[in-house]
C-alpha atoms as a PDB file:
ATOM      1  CA  MET A   1     -34.614  10.498  32.359  1.00  0.00           C
ATOM      2  CA  ASN A   2     -35.681  13.607  34.194  1.00  0.00           C
ATOM      3  CA  ALA A   3     -33.547  16.609  35.057  1.00  0.00           C
ATOM      4  CA  TYR A   4     -32.818  15.381  38.592  1.00  0.00           C
ATOM      5  CA  TRP A   5     -31.065  12.286  37.252  1.00  0.00           C
ATOM      6  CA  VAL A   6     -28.971  14.503  34.987  1.00  0.00           C
ATOM      7  CA  VAL A   7     -28.086  16.640  38.018  1.00  0.00           C
ATOM      8  CA  LEU A   8     -27.115  13.490  39.940  1.00  0.00           C
ATOM      9  CA  ALA A   9     -24.853  12.402  37.067  1.00  0.00           C
ATOM     10  CA  LEU A  10     -23.265  15.877  37.018  1.00  0.00           C
ATOM     11  CA  ALA A  11     -22.770  15.704  40.786  1.00  0.00           C
ATOM     12  CA  ILE A  12     -20.974  12.384  40.477  1.00  0.00           C
ATOM     13  CA  ALA A  13     -18.830  13.543  37.544  1.00  0.00           C
ATOM     14  CA  SER A  14     -17.863  16.832  39.181  1.00  0.00           C
ATOM     15  CA  SER A  15     -17.075  15.040  42.429  1.00  0.00           C
ATOM     16  CA  MET A  16     -14.634  12.809  40.549  1.00  0.00           C
ATOM     17  CA  GLY A  17     -13.130  15.835  38.805  1.00  0.00           C
ATOM     18  CA  GLY A  18     -12.648  17.579  42.133  1.00  0.00           C
ATOM     19  CA  GLN A  19     -11.097  14.530  43.745  1.00  0.00           C
ATOM     20  CA  THR A  20      -8.766  14.077  40.784  1.00  0.00           C
ATOM     21  CA  LEU A  21      -7.558  17.642  41.246  1.00  0.00           C
ATOM     22  CA  LEU A  22      -7.078  17.024  44.986  1.00  0.00           C
ATOM     23  CA  LYS A  23      -4.899  14.024  44.131  1.00  0.00           C
ATOM     24  CA  ALA A  24      -2.970  16.077  41.562  1.00  0.00           C
ATOM     25  CA  GLY A  25      -2.266  18.696  44.231  1.00  0.00           C
ATOM     26  CA  SER A  26      -0.961  16.061  46.632  1.00  0.00           C
ATOM     27  CA  GLY A  27       2.430  16.069  44.925  1.00  0.00           C
ATOM     28  CA  ALA A  28       3.382  19.273  46.760  1.00  0.00           C
ATOM     29  CA  PRO A  29       6.428  19.036  49.044  1.00  0.00           C
ATOM     30  CA  ASP A  30       4.481  19.677  52.274  1.00  0.00           C
ATOM     31  CA  PHE A  31       0.915  19.981  53.535  1.00  0.00           C
ATOM     32  CA  VAL A  32       0.765  23.785  53.496  1.00  0.00           C
ATOM     33  CA  ALA A  33       2.065  23.879  49.932  1.00  0.00           C
ATOM     34  CA  GLN A  34      -0.566  21.297  49.023  1.00  0.00           C
ATOM     35  CA  LEU A  35      -3.325  23.424  50.536  1.00  0.00           C
ATOM     36  CA  LEU A  36      -2.141  26.445  48.559  1.00  0.00           C
ATOM     37  CA  ASP A  37      -1.652  24.537  45.289  1.00  0.00           C
ATOM     38  CA  TYR A  38      -4.057  25.825  42.623  1.00  0.00           C
ATOM     39  CA  ARG A  39      -5.173  22.259  41.868  1.00  0.00           C
ATOM     40  CA  THR A  40      -6.158  21.693  45.485  1.00  0.00           C
ATOM     41  CA  ILE A  41      -8.066  24.969  45.657  1.00  0.00           C
ATOM     42  CA  LEU A  42      -9.838  24.295  42.364  1.00  0.00           C
ATOM     43  CA  GLY A  43     -10.534  20.711  43.422  1.00  0.00           C
ATOM     44  CA  LEU A  44     -12.136  21.871  46.663  1.00  0.00           C
ATOM     45  CA  CYS A  45     -14.335  24.347  44.767  1.00  0.00           C
ATOM     46  CA  ILE A  46     -15.471  21.718  42.275  1.00  0.00           C
ATOM     47  CA  TYR A  47     -16.013  19.169  45.042  1.00  0.00           C
ATOM     48  CA  GLY A  48     -18.132  21.697  46.932  1.00  0.00           C
ATOM     49  CA  GLY A  49     -20.109  22.389  43.768  1.00  0.00           C
ATOM     50  CA  SER A  50     -20.774  18.692  43.395  1.00  0.00           C
ATOM     51  CA  ALA A  51     -22.269  18.649  46.893  1.00  0.00           C
ATOM     52  CA  ILE A  52     -24.666  21.413  45.876  1.00  0.00           C
ATOM     53  CA  LEU A  53     -25.670  19.447  42.775  1.00  0.00           C
ATOM     54  CA  TYR A  54     -26.210  16.360  44.928  1.00  0.00           C
ATOM     55  CA  ILE A  55     -28.486  18.344  47.240  1.00  0.00           C
ATOM     56  CA  VAL A  56     -30.553  19.419  44.232  1.00  0.00           C
ATOM     57  CA  ALA A  57     -30.794  15.810  43.006  1.00  0.00           C
ATOM     58  CA  LEU A  58     -31.990  14.689  46.437  1.00  0.00           C
ATOM     59  CA  ARG A  59     -35.011  16.964  46.111  1.00  0.00           C
ATOM     60  CA  ARG A  60     -36.683  14.361  43.877  1.00  0.00           C
ATOM     61  CA  ILE A  61     -34.554  11.210  44.035  1.00  0.00           C
ATOM     62  CA  PRO A  62     -34.799   9.162  47.243  1.00  0.00           C
ATOM     63  CA  MET A  63     -31.528   9.030  49.134  1.00  0.00           C
ATOM     64  CA  SER A  64     -31.796   5.228  49.275  1.00  0.00           C
ATOM     65  CA  VAL A  65     -31.562   5.292  45.469  1.00  0.00           C
ATOM     66  CA  ALA A  66     -29.259   8.271  44.846  1.00  0.00           C
ATOM     67  CA  LEU A  67     -26.507   7.335  47.281  1.00  0.00           C
ATOM     68  CA  PRO A  68     -25.898   3.831  45.908  1.00  0.00           C
ATOM     69  CA  PHE A  69     -25.634   5.305  42.399  1.00  0.00           C
ATOM     70  CA  THR A  70     -22.707   7.425  43.565  1.00  0.00           C
ATOM     71  CA  ALA A  71     -20.808   4.132  43.846  1.00  0.00           C
ATOM     72  CA  VAL A  72     -20.061   4.520  40.136  1.00  0.00           C
ATOM     73  CA  SER A  73     -17.370   6.894  41.370  1.00  0.00           C
ATOM     74  CA  TYR A  74     -15.431   3.866  42.661  1.00  0.00           C
ATOM     75  CA  VAL A  75     -15.146   2.567  39.115  1.00  0.00           C
ATOM     76  CA  ALA A  76     -14.118   6.020  37.875  1.00  0.00           C
ATOM     77  CA  ALA A  77     -11.581   6.375  40.702  1.00  0.00           C
ATOM     78  CA  LEU A  78     -10.008   3.045  39.782  1.00  0.00           C
ATOM     79  CA  LEU A  79      -9.655   4.057  36.134  1.00  0.00           C
ATOM     80  CA  ILE A  80      -8.489   7.610  36.852  1.00  0.00           C
ATOM     81  CA  GLY A  81      -5.960   6.362  39.389  1.00  0.00           C
ATOM     82  CA  HIS A  82      -4.561   3.915  36.868  1.00  0.00           C
ATOM     83  CA  TYR A  83      -4.486   6.090  33.756  1.00  0.00           C
ATOM     84  CA  ALA A  84      -3.788   9.525  35.248  1.00  0.00           C
ATOM     85  CA  PHE A  85      -1.547   8.618  38.183  1.00  0.00           C
ATOM     86  CA  GLY A  86      -0.023   5.269  37.195  1.00  0.00           C
ATOM     87  CA  GLU A  87      -1.576   3.348  40.082  1.00  0.00           C
ATOM     88  CA  THR A  88      -1.589  -0.417  39.701  1.00  0.00           C
ATOM     89  CA  ILE A  89      -4.807  -2.402  39.395  1.00  0.00           C
ATOM     90  CA  GLY A  90      -4.792  -5.972  40.635  1.00  0.00           C
ATOM     91  CA  PRO A  91      -7.326  -8.792  40.535  1.00  0.00           C
ATOM     92  CA  LEU A  92      -8.626  -7.824  43.975  1.00  0.00           C
ATOM     93  CA  HIS A  93      -9.434  -4.343  42.653  1.00  0.00           C
ATOM     94  CA  PHE A  94     -11.411  -5.793  39.755  1.00  0.00           C
ATOM     95  CA  GLY A  95     -13.289  -8.155  42.063  1.00  0.00           C
ATOM     96  CA  ALA A  96     -14.163  -5.375  44.482  1.00  0.00           C
ATOM     97  CA  VAL A  97     -15.418  -3.101  41.712  1.00  0.00           C
ATOM     98  CA  ALA A  98     -17.468  -5.975  40.242  1.00  0.00           C
ATOM     99  CA  LEU A  99     -19.130  -6.488  43.628  1.00  0.00           C
ATOM    100  CA  ILE A 100     -19.866  -2.765  43.908  1.00  0.00           C
ATOM    101  CA  CYS A 101     -21.414  -2.733  40.435  1.00  0.00           C
ATOM    102  CA  ALA A 102     -23.485  -5.817  41.219  1.00  0.00           C
ATOM    103  CA  GLY A 103     -24.745  -4.144  44.388  1.00  0.00           C
ATOM    104  CA  VAL A 104     -25.764  -1.009  42.506  1.00  0.00           C
ATOM    105  CA  VAL A 105     -27.633  -3.091  39.910  1.00  0.00           C
ATOM    106  CA  LEU A 106     -29.442  -5.028  42.637  1.00  0.00           C
ATOM    107  CA  LEU A 107     -30.475  -1.807  44.366  1.00  0.00           C
ATOM    108  CA  ALA A 108     -31.713  -0.377  41.075  1.00  0.00           C
ATOM    109  CA  TRP A 109     -34.024  -3.386  40.702  1.00  0.00           C
ATOM    110  CA  ALA A 110     -35.324  -3.133  44.273  1.00  0.00           C
END
């Protein structure tokens, strides 16, 4: 695995971290308070950093390959939503994530 794949993995992980912080900040009483919540601000900074990492990864990884691999974030979002925020996971969720994973595997073989 070359450095660009590591950067892509870091981009995906930091994107999920940023989005988790954005969700954590959404418990504020109103929109302005949410925007000023430290978790929202930190989440936006991390999310922006993940975009920079993604740009670096795209220097050597074709977009038609890199973008589908970001779909792993859907699996992470499902698990984070359930374990960190108490969101329910139903059979439809599992089926949808299985289809996403199958699609990523098929694209990796292409």
